[in-house]
Amino acid sequence: METRAGRGPRERAVSGGIETLGDAELLALLLETGRRGEGEGVRAAKLLDEHGGLEGLARSGVGALASREGLGAAGAWRVAAALELGRRARETATPQRIRDGSDVWRWARARLAALEHEELWVLALDGGNRLRAARRVAMGGLHGMHVGTRDPLRCALREGASAFVLVHNHPSGDPTPSTEDLAFTERITAAADVVGTPLVDHVVVAQGAYASLAERLLMPAPSSSRRGGSS
């Protein structure tokens, strides 16, 4: 049965195009469970307000969203999937060029800087240093995470990268690379050199700041360079 002129977001999208809907209306479509009325619209507006808009919502983990009353795991995964699809579509349509640590910082700031747990991502680059793909390879707790040397390299190769960048966050707020960060970077550099897909930088981000190992001249030289220098 049709409601009065104040139609729901689905009807407005059909008549005026989905691009005419606001953020809360788009989110309401994801949360819709078949019920009529203002339930989803109110809930969507509340979610956006509580998280400070789409950027804050994108930083929220699925677990945090799923704990919301009335949202549940299914709704949380729908929201997370929609945000990730949008992010991938933007990166595919206009590939970002990764030339230095500040470019990585621009990519990572909204995604990683405010997280309360560590995440490690691989940024796979093409031959022109454009971003081919960004994939999370590890996630841990407040005090660290466990990741094997092969995991980032396997991801870079799967994405057909010509080179790649590692980026992870420090929930402590201090982006200074730790001794463990330096040792891990050295292991990845050596493994990447063997397969001919170089690691060009490892960037650590925190709220309001970043540290690029390449810019700080802390990136280890590839083993081929060391062999060449000794001959």
Protein backbone atom coordinates (compact mmCIF):
# COMPACT_ATOMS: atom_id res chain seq x y z
CA MET A 1 0.00 0.00 0.00
CA GLU A 2 1.41 3.40 -0.98
CA THR A 3 2.09 5.94 1.71
CA ARG A 4 1.37 9.62 1.28
CA ALA A 5 3.61 12.02 -0.68
CA GLY A 6 6.43 11.59 1.83
CA ARG A 7 7.69 8.43 0.12
CA GLY A 8 10.59 6.31 1.31
CA PRO A 9 14.12 6.53 -0.12
CA ARG A 10 13.56 3.62 -2.50
CA GLU A 11 10.62 5.33 -4.17
CA ARG A 12 12.49 8.65 -4.32
CA ALA A 13 15.49 6.91 -5.88
CA VAL A 14 13.26 5.35 -8.55
CA SER A 15 11.64 8.65 -9.43
CA GLY A 16 14.59 11.02 -9.11
CA GLY A 17 17.71 8.84 -9.36
CA ILE A 18 19.77 7.37 -6.54
CA GLU A 19 22.28 10.24 -6.79
CA THR A 20 19.58 12.58 -5.44
CA LEU A 21 19.44 10.80 -2.07
CA GLY A 22 21.29 12.12 0.96
CA ASP A 23 23.74 10.07 3.05
CA ALA A 24 21.10 9.09 5.60
CA GLU A 25 18.67 8.01 2.87
CA LEU A 26 21.29 5.84 1.17
CA LEU A 27 22.17 4.27 4.49
CA ALA A 28 18.47 3.69 5.19
CA LEU A 29 18.25 1.64 1.97
CA LEU A 30 20.98 -0.66 3.29
CA LEU A 31 19.23 -1.03 6.63
CA GLU A 32 15.78 -1.60 5.15
CA THR A 33 14.22 -4.85 6.31
CA GLY A 34 10.90 -4.62 4.51
CA ARG A 35 9.07 -2.62 7.18
CA ARG A 36 7.26 0.57 6.25
CA GLY A 37 7.62 3.78 8.19
CA GLU A 38 10.45 5.95 9.40
CA GLY A 39 12.36 3.29 11.37
CA GLU A 40 15.32 2.85 9.01
CA GLY A 41 15.56 6.56 8.18
CA VAL A 42 15.70 7.53 11.84
CA ARG A 43 18.20 4.79 12.62
CA ALA A 44 20.41 5.76 9.66
CA ALA A 45 20.46 9.43 10.65
CA LYS A 46 21.31 8.45 14.22
CA LEU A 47 24.16 6.21 13.09
CA LEU A 48 25.69 8.97 10.98
CA ASP A 49 25.34 11.50 13.78
CA GLU A 50 26.91 9.22 16.39
CA HIS A 51 29.91 8.43 14.14
CA GLY A 52 30.46 11.93 12.80
CA GLY A 53 29.29 11.18 9.26
CA LEU A 54 30.42 8.70 6.63
CA GLU A 55 34.12 9.04 7.43
CA GLY A 56 33.59 8.00 11.04
CA LEU A 57 31.22 5.23 10.02
CA ALA A 58 33.84 3.84 7.63
CA ARG A 59 36.37 3.68 10.48
CA SER A 60 34.04 1.68 12.70
CA GLY A 61 34.61 -2.05 12.74
CA VAL A 62 31.89 -4.55 11.91
CA GLY A 63 31.87 -5.71 15.53
CA ALA A 64 31.11 -2.22 16.82
CA LEU A 65 28.33 -1.74 14.28
CA ALA A 66 26.86 -5.18 14.93
CA SER A 67 26.54 -4.38 18.64
CA ARG A 68 24.12 -1.57 17.82
CA GLU A 69 20.58 -2.43 18.88
CA GLY A 70 18.44 -3.19 15.85
CA LEU A 71 21.36 -3.38 13.40
CA GLY A 72 22.88 -6.78 14.05
CA ALA A 73 25.59 -8.65 12.17
CA ALA A 74 23.72 -8.75 8.85
CA GLY A 75 23.13 -5.00 8.80
CA ALA A 76 26.69 -4.29 9.91
CA TRP A 77 28.13 -6.41 7.10
CA ARG A 78 25.86 -4.72 4.54
CA VAL A 79 27.11 -1.29 5.63
CA ALA A 80 30.77 -2.41 5.66
CA ALA A 81 30.43 -4.02 2.23
CA ALA A 82 28.81 -0.94 0.71
CA LEU A 83 31.53 1.35 2.08
CA GLU A 84 34.27 -0.95 0.82
CA LEU A 85 32.70 -1.20 -2.64
CA GLY A 86 32.51 2.59 -2.82
CA ARG A 87 36.13 2.90 -1.78
CA ARG A 88 37.27 0.38 -4.39
CA ALA A 89 35.19 2.05 -7.09
CA ARG A 90 36.86 5.41 -6.38
CA GLU A 91 40.32 3.88 -6.49
CA THR A 92 39.55 2.05 -9.75
CA ALA A 93 38.05 5.10 -11.46
CA THR A 94 40.83 7.52 -10.49
CA PRO A 95 43.90 5.57 -9.40
CA GLN A 96 45.85 7.52 -6.81
CA ARG A 97 49.54 8.04 -7.54
CA ILE A 98 51.77 7.02 -4.64
CA ARG A 99 54.97 9.05 -4.96
CA ASP A 100 56.00 9.54 -1.33
CA GLY A 101 54.93 9.19 2.28
CA SER A 102 52.52 12.12 2.09
CA ASP A 103 50.52 10.33 -0.63
CA VAL A 104 50.32 7.24 1.58
CA TRP A 105 49.27 9.46 4.50
CA ARG A 106 46.44 10.94 2.44
CA TRP A 107 45.24 7.43 1.64
CA ALA A 108 45.62 6.09 5.19
CA ARG A 109 44.54 9.00 7.38
CA ALA A 110 40.78 8.39 7.26
CA ARG A 111 41.11 4.60 7.24
CA LEU A 112 43.74 3.87 9.89
CA ALA A 113 44.84 6.86 11.96
CA ALA A 114 42.03 6.77 14.53
CA LEU A 115 41.77 2.98 14.95
CA GLU A 116 42.27 1.52 18.41
CA HIS A 117 43.82 -1.67 17.04
CA GLU A 118 46.68 -2.24 14.60
CA GLU A 119 46.13 -3.06 10.95
CA LEU A 120 48.69 -3.78 8.22
CA TRP A 121 47.82 -2.98 4.60
CA VAL A 122 49.55 -3.58 1.29
CA LEU A 123 49.29 -0.88 -1.35
CA ALA A 124 49.96 -2.58 -4.70
CA LEU A 125 51.36 -0.20 -7.32
CA ASP A 126 51.57 -0.41 -11.10
CA GLY A 127 54.59 0.62 -13.18
CA GLY A 128 53.59 4.29 -12.97
CA ASN A 129 53.29 4.22 -9.15
CA ARG A 130 49.49 4.30 -9.41
CA LEU A 131 47.50 2.39 -6.81
CA ARG A 132 46.29 -0.90 -8.27
CA ALA A 133 44.78 -2.26 -5.08
CA ALA A 134 44.80 -1.79 -1.32
CA ARG A 135 44.39 -4.90 0.80
CA ARG A 136 44.47 -5.50 4.54
CA VAL A 137 46.73 -8.42 5.38
CA ALA A 138 46.68 -8.41 9.18
CA MET A 139 44.74 -7.03 12.11
CA GLY A 140 45.68 -7.16 15.76
CA GLY A 141 44.98 -5.69 19.15
CA LEU A 142 46.01 -2.49 20.86
CA HIS A 143 49.54 -3.72 21.49
CA GLY A 144 50.39 -5.32 18.18
CA MET A 145 49.61 -8.05 15.68
CA HIS A 146 51.15 -11.18 14.29
CA VAL A 147 51.91 -11.33 10.58
CA GLY A 148 54.17 -13.63 8.58
CA THR A 149 56.75 -12.44 6.08
CA ARG A 150 54.97 -14.19 3.22
CA ASP A 151 51.55 -12.62 3.80
CA PRO A 152 52.22 -9.10 2.39
CA LEU A 153 54.32 -10.47 -0.46
CA ARG A 154 51.68 -13.01 -1.45
CA CYS A 155 49.10 -10.21 -1.52
CA ALA A 156 51.27 -7.95 -3.70
CA LEU A 157 51.89 -10.76 -6.18
CA ARG A 158 48.21 -11.71 -6.31
CA GLU A 159 47.36 -8.12 -7.26
CA GLY A 160 49.96 -8.07 -10.04
CA ALA A 161 51.96 -5.29 -8.39
CA SER A 162 55.09 -3.87 -10.00
CA ALA A 163 56.06 -2.60 -6.54
CA PHE A 164 54.30 -2.20 -3.22
CA VAL A 165 54.11 -0.16 -0.03
CA LEU A 166 53.36 -1.35 3.48
CA VAL A 167 51.30 0.87 5.77
CA HIS A 168 50.19 0.23 9.32
CA ASN A 169 49.01 2.27 12.29
CA HIS A 170 50.21 2.82 15.84
CA PRO A 171 47.19 3.17 18.19
CA SER A 172 49.54 4.73 20.77
CA GLY A 173 49.51 7.96 18.75
CA ASP A 174 53.27 7.94 18.09
CA PRO A 175 54.18 6.98 14.51
CA THR A 176 57.88 6.47 15.27
CA PRO A 177 58.87 3.11 13.74
CA SER A 178 59.68 0.52 16.40
CA THR A 179 62.59 -1.90 16.38
CA GLU A 180 60.11 -4.61 15.37
CA ASP A 181 58.86 -2.44 12.48
CA LEU A 182 62.41 -2.03 11.17
CA ALA A 183 63.20 -5.74 11.47
CA PHE A 184 59.95 -6.71 9.75
CA THR A 185 60.64 -4.25 6.93
CA GLU A 186 64.09 -5.73 6.42
CA ARG A 187 62.67 -9.24 6.13
CA ILE A 188 59.99 -8.16 3.64
CA THR A 189 62.52 -6.20 1.57
CA ALA A 190 64.76 -9.25 1.25
CA ALA A 191 61.88 -11.54 0.31
CA ALA A 192 60.47 -9.02 -2.20
CA ASP A 193 63.87 -8.65 -3.82
CA VAL A 194 63.99 -12.39 -4.50
CA VAL A 195 60.75 -12.31 -6.53
CA GLY A 196 61.48 -8.99 -8.23
CA THR A 197 58.56 -7.02 -6.75
CA PRO A 198 60.24 -4.38 -4.59
CA LEU A 199 58.98 -2.92 -1.35
CA VAL A 200 59.47 0.83 -1.87
CA ASP A 201 58.30 2.19 1.48
CA HIS A 202 56.80 1.31 4.84
CA VAL A 203 54.68 4.08 6.33
CA VAL A 204 53.52 4.15 9.95
CA VAL A 205 50.51 6.35 10.70
CA ALA A 206 48.99 7.67 13.91
CA GLN A 207 46.41 10.29 14.73
CA GLY A 208 47.70 13.51 13.17
CA ALA A 209 51.10 12.28 11.96
CA TYR A 210 52.97 9.70 9.91
CA ALA A 211 56.50 8.34 9.53
CA SER A 212 57.86 7.10 6.20
CA LEU A 213 60.84 4.78 6.46
CA ALA A 214 61.93 5.79 2.95
CA GLU A 215 61.86 9.49 3.81
CA ARG A 216 63.77 8.83 7.04
CA LEU A 217 66.35 6.80 5.07
CA LEU A 218 65.50 3.72 7.13
CA MET A 219 64.56 1.43 4.24
CA PRO A 220 67.08 -1.41 3.92
CA ALA A 221 68.86 -1.67 0.59
CA PRO A 222 67.69 -4.62 -1.56
CA SER A 223 70.03 -7.60 -1.38
CA SER A 224 70.80 -7.20 -5.10
CA SER A 225 72.11 -3.67 -4.38
CA ARG A 226 74.28 -4.98 -1.59
CA ARG A 227 75.65 -7.73 -3.83
CA GLY A 228 76.29 -5.21 -6.61
CA GLY A 229 78.09 -2.84 -4.26
CA SER A 230 80.47 -5.52 -3.05
CA SER A 231 81.55 -6.79 -6.47
